[in-house]
Amino acid sequence: MTMKLDLMKVGIGVAVVIGLVLTGVAGYALFATLGGISGLTIAPELFVSIVFGVLLLAAAASVSKIAPTPRTRV
């Protein structure tokens, strides 16, 4: 079974996910700036770093699953 990959749909999906994540991060930054919850003390910069690290790992894992193996010369 071969899977055809539509790069346009993948690109739109990635853009939507990144947009949603950035909206969540911005909301958290505003919430933390305006007082937030006393027990929630993670810095917004650290939160952004963690989110993008997780996204990078997820992207690498998904690409390694669907990317074809390279042909080597004998």
N, C-alpha and C. Protein backbone atom coordinates (compact mmCIF):
# COMPACT_ATOMS: atom_id res chain seq x y z
N MET A 1 0.84 -1.17 0.00
CA MET A 1 0.00 0.00 0.00
C MET A 1 0.89 1.24 0.00
N THR A 2 0.77 2.05 -1.03
CA THR A 2 1.54 3.28 -1.09
C THR A 2 0.68 4.44 -0.66
N MET A 3 1.31 5.37 0.04
CA MET A 3 0.58 6.52 0.52
C MET A 3 1.07 7.75 -0.24
N LYS A 4 0.15 8.43 -0.93
CA LYS A 4 0.52 9.64 -1.64
C LYS A 4 0.43 10.80 -0.66
N LEU A 5 1.47 11.60 -0.64
CA LEU A 5 1.56 12.71 0.29
C LEU A 5 1.26 14.01 -0.45
N ASP A 6 0.21 14.70 -0.04
CA ASP A 6 -0.14 15.98 -0.63
C ASP A 6 0.55 17.08 0.17
N LEU A 7 1.60 17.67 -0.39
CA LEU A 7 2.39 18.64 0.34
C LEU A 7 1.61 19.91 0.67
N MET A 8 0.65 20.27 -0.15
CA MET A 8 -0.15 21.47 0.13
C MET A 8 -0.98 21.27 1.40
N LYS A 9 -1.61 20.10 1.53
CA LYS A 9 -2.41 19.83 2.72
C LYS A 9 -1.54 19.72 3.96
N VAL A 10 -0.36 19.13 3.82
CA VAL A 10 0.56 19.02 4.94
C VAL A 10 1.02 20.41 5.38
N GLY A 11 1.34 21.27 4.42
CA GLY A 11 1.78 22.62 4.74
C GLY A 11 0.70 23.43 5.43
N ILE A 12 -0.53 23.32 4.94
CA ILE A 12 -1.64 24.03 5.57
C ILE A 12 -1.88 23.49 6.99
N GLY A 13 -1.80 22.19 7.14
CA GLY A 13 -1.98 21.60 8.47
C GLY A 13 -0.91 22.05 9.46
N VAL A 14 0.33 22.08 9.01
CA VAL A 14 1.42 22.53 9.87
C VAL A 14 1.22 24.00 10.24
N ALA A 15 0.83 24.83 9.28
CA ALA A 15 0.61 26.25 9.56
C ALA A 15 -0.52 26.44 10.57
N VAL A 16 -1.58 25.65 10.45
CA VAL A 16 -2.70 25.76 11.39
C VAL A 16 -2.26 25.34 12.79
N VAL A 17 -1.52 24.25 12.89
CA VAL A 17 -1.06 23.78 14.20
C VAL A 17 -0.13 24.80 14.85
N ILE A 18 0.81 25.34 14.07
CA ILE A 18 1.73 26.34 14.62
C ILE A 18 0.95 27.59 15.04
N GLY A 19 -0.03 27.99 14.26
CA GLY A 19 -0.85 29.14 14.63
C GLY A 19 -1.61 28.92 15.93
N LEU A 20 -2.18 27.74 16.09
CA LEU A 20 -2.90 27.44 17.33
C LEU A 20 -1.96 27.41 18.53
N VAL A 21 -0.78 26.83 18.35
CA VAL A 21 0.19 26.78 19.44
C VAL A 21 0.65 28.17 19.82
N LEU A 22 0.95 29.00 18.82
CA LEU A 22 1.39 30.36 19.12
C LEU A 22 0.29 31.19 19.78
N THR A 23 -0.95 30.94 19.40
CA THR A 23 -2.07 31.63 20.06
C THR A 23 -2.16 31.21 21.53
N GLY A 24 -1.97 29.93 21.78
CA GLY A 24 -1.98 29.44 23.16
C GLY A 24 -0.83 30.01 23.98
N VAL A 25 0.35 30.10 23.37
CA VAL A 25 1.51 30.66 24.07
C VAL A 25 1.29 32.14 24.37
N ALA A 26 0.74 32.87 23.39
CA ALA A 26 0.46 34.29 23.61
C ALA A 26 -0.58 34.48 24.71
N GLY A 27 -1.60 33.63 24.71
CA GLY A 27 -2.60 33.69 25.78
C GLY A 27 -2.00 33.41 27.14
N TYR A 28 -1.11 32.43 27.19
CA TYR A 28 -0.45 32.13 28.47
C TYR A 28 0.44 33.29 28.90
N ALA A 29 1.15 33.92 27.95
CA ALA A 29 2.01 35.05 28.29
C ALA A 29 1.18 36.21 28.84
N LEU A 30 0.06 36.49 28.22
CA LEU A 30 -0.82 37.54 28.73
C LEU A 30 -1.36 37.19 30.12
N PHE A 31 -1.75 35.94 30.28
CA PHE A 31 -2.28 35.48 31.57
C PHE A 31 -1.22 35.60 32.66
N ALA A 32 0.02 35.20 32.34
CA ALA A 32 1.11 35.27 33.32
C ALA A 32 1.48 36.72 33.63
N THR A 33 1.39 37.59 32.62
CA THR A 33 1.73 39.00 32.82
C THR A 33 0.70 39.70 33.71
N LEU A 34 -0.54 39.33 33.56
CA LEU A 34 -1.60 39.98 34.32
C LEU A 34 -1.78 39.40 35.72
N GLY A 35 -0.94 38.49 36.14
CA GLY A 35 -1.04 37.96 37.49
C GLY A 35 -0.99 36.45 37.52
N GLY A 36 -1.80 35.82 36.71
CA GLY A 36 -1.79 34.36 36.62
C GLY A 36 -2.19 33.69 37.92
N ILE A 37 -1.72 32.47 38.06
CA ILE A 37 -1.98 31.66 39.26
C ILE A 37 -0.67 31.58 40.03
N SER A 38 -0.72 31.71 41.34
CA SER A 38 0.50 31.77 42.14
C SER A 38 1.34 30.49 42.03
N GLY A 39 0.73 29.35 41.85
CA GLY A 39 1.49 28.10 41.74
C GLY A 39 2.08 27.85 40.37
N LEU A 40 1.64 28.60 39.37
CA LEU A 40 2.09 28.43 37.99
C LEU A 40 3.19 29.46 37.72
N THR A 41 4.46 29.03 37.82
CA THR A 41 5.56 29.98 37.77
C THR A 41 6.51 29.77 36.59
N ILE A 42 6.08 29.07 35.56
CA ILE A 42 6.95 28.85 34.40
C ILE A 42 7.01 30.13 33.57
N ALA A 43 8.21 30.51 33.15
CA ALA A 43 8.38 31.72 32.36
C ALA A 43 7.85 31.50 30.94
N PRO A 44 7.24 32.51 30.34
CA PRO A 44 6.72 32.36 28.97
C PRO A 44 7.80 31.98 27.96
N GLU A 45 9.03 32.49 28.15
CA GLU A 45 10.12 32.14 27.24
C GLU A 45 10.46 30.66 27.31
N LEU A 46 10.48 30.11 28.51
CA LEU A 46 10.73 28.69 28.68
C LEU A 46 9.59 27.87 28.10
N PHE A 47 8.37 28.34 28.26
CA PHE A 47 7.21 27.66 27.72
C PHE A 47 7.28 27.60 26.19
N VAL A 48 7.68 28.70 25.56
CA VAL A 48 7.83 28.73 24.10
C VAL A 48 8.92 27.75 23.67
N SER A 49 10.03 27.72 24.39
CA SER A 49 11.12 26.79 24.06
C SER A 49 10.67 25.34 24.16
N ILE A 50 9.92 25.02 25.19
CA ILE A 50 9.43 23.65 25.37
C ILE A 50 8.46 23.29 24.26
N VAL A 51 7.54 24.20 23.94
CA VAL A 51 6.55 23.91 22.89
C VAL A 51 7.23 23.67 21.55
N PHE A 52 8.18 24.53 21.18
CA PHE A 52 8.83 24.36 19.89
C PHE A 52 9.76 23.15 19.88
N GLY A 53 10.35 22.80 21.01
CA GLY A 53 11.14 21.58 21.09
C GLY A 53 10.28 20.34 20.85
N VAL A 54 9.10 20.33 21.47
CA VAL A 54 8.18 19.20 21.27
C VAL A 54 7.71 19.16 19.82
N LEU A 55 7.39 20.32 19.24
CA LEU A 55 6.98 20.35 17.84
C LEU A 55 8.08 19.86 16.91
N LEU A 56 9.33 20.23 17.20
CA LEU A 56 10.45 19.78 16.39
C LEU A 56 10.62 18.27 16.47
N LEU A 57 10.51 17.71 17.66
CA LEU A 57 10.61 16.26 17.81
C LEU A 57 9.45 15.54 17.11
N ALA A 58 8.25 16.08 17.22
CA ALA A 58 7.09 15.47 16.56
C ALA A 58 7.23 15.54 15.04
N ALA A 59 7.73 16.66 14.53
CA ALA A 59 7.92 16.79 13.08
C ALA A 59 8.99 15.81 12.60
N ALA A 60 10.07 15.69 13.33
CA ALA A 60 11.13 14.76 12.94
C ALA A 60 10.63 13.32 12.96
N ALA A 61 9.85 12.97 13.96
CA ALA A 61 9.32 11.61 14.04
C ALA A 61 8.34 11.32 12.91
N SER A 62 7.49 12.28 12.58
CA SER A 62 6.51 12.04 11.53
C SER A 62 7.18 12.00 10.15
N VAL A 63 8.17 12.84 9.94
CA VAL A 63 8.87 12.82 8.65
C VAL A 63 9.65 11.52 8.48
N SER A 64 10.25 11.03 9.55
CA SER A 64 11.00 9.78 9.43
C SER A 64 10.09 8.60 9.12
N LYS A 65 8.81 8.69 9.50
CA LYS A 65 7.87 7.61 9.21
C LYS A 65 7.42 7.63 7.75
N ILE A 66 7.25 8.81 7.15
CA ILE A 66 6.68 8.88 5.81
C ILE A 66 7.70 9.13 4.72
N ALA A 67 8.91 9.54 5.08
CA ALA A 67 9.92 9.84 4.07
C ALA A 67 10.44 8.55 3.45
N PRO A 68 10.61 8.53 2.15
CA PRO A 68 11.16 7.32 1.52
C PRO A 68 12.63 7.17 1.86
N THR A 69 13.09 5.93 1.88
CA THR A 69 14.50 5.70 2.15
C THR A 69 15.32 6.06 0.91
N PRO A 70 16.44 6.71 1.11
CA PRO A 70 17.24 7.12 -0.06
C PRO A 70 17.87 5.92 -0.75
N ARG A 71 17.98 6.03 -2.07
CA ARG A 71 18.64 4.98 -2.84
C ARG A 71 20.14 5.26 -2.82
N THR A 72 20.90 4.21 -2.66
CA THR A 72 22.36 4.37 -2.64
C THR A 72 22.94 3.68 -3.89
N ARG A 73 24.05 4.21 -4.33
CA ARG A 73 24.72 3.60 -5.49
C ARG A 73 25.56 2.44 -5.04
N VAL A 74 25.61 1.43 -5.86
CA VAL A 74 26.37 0.22 -5.52
C VAL A 74 27.71 0.25 -6.22
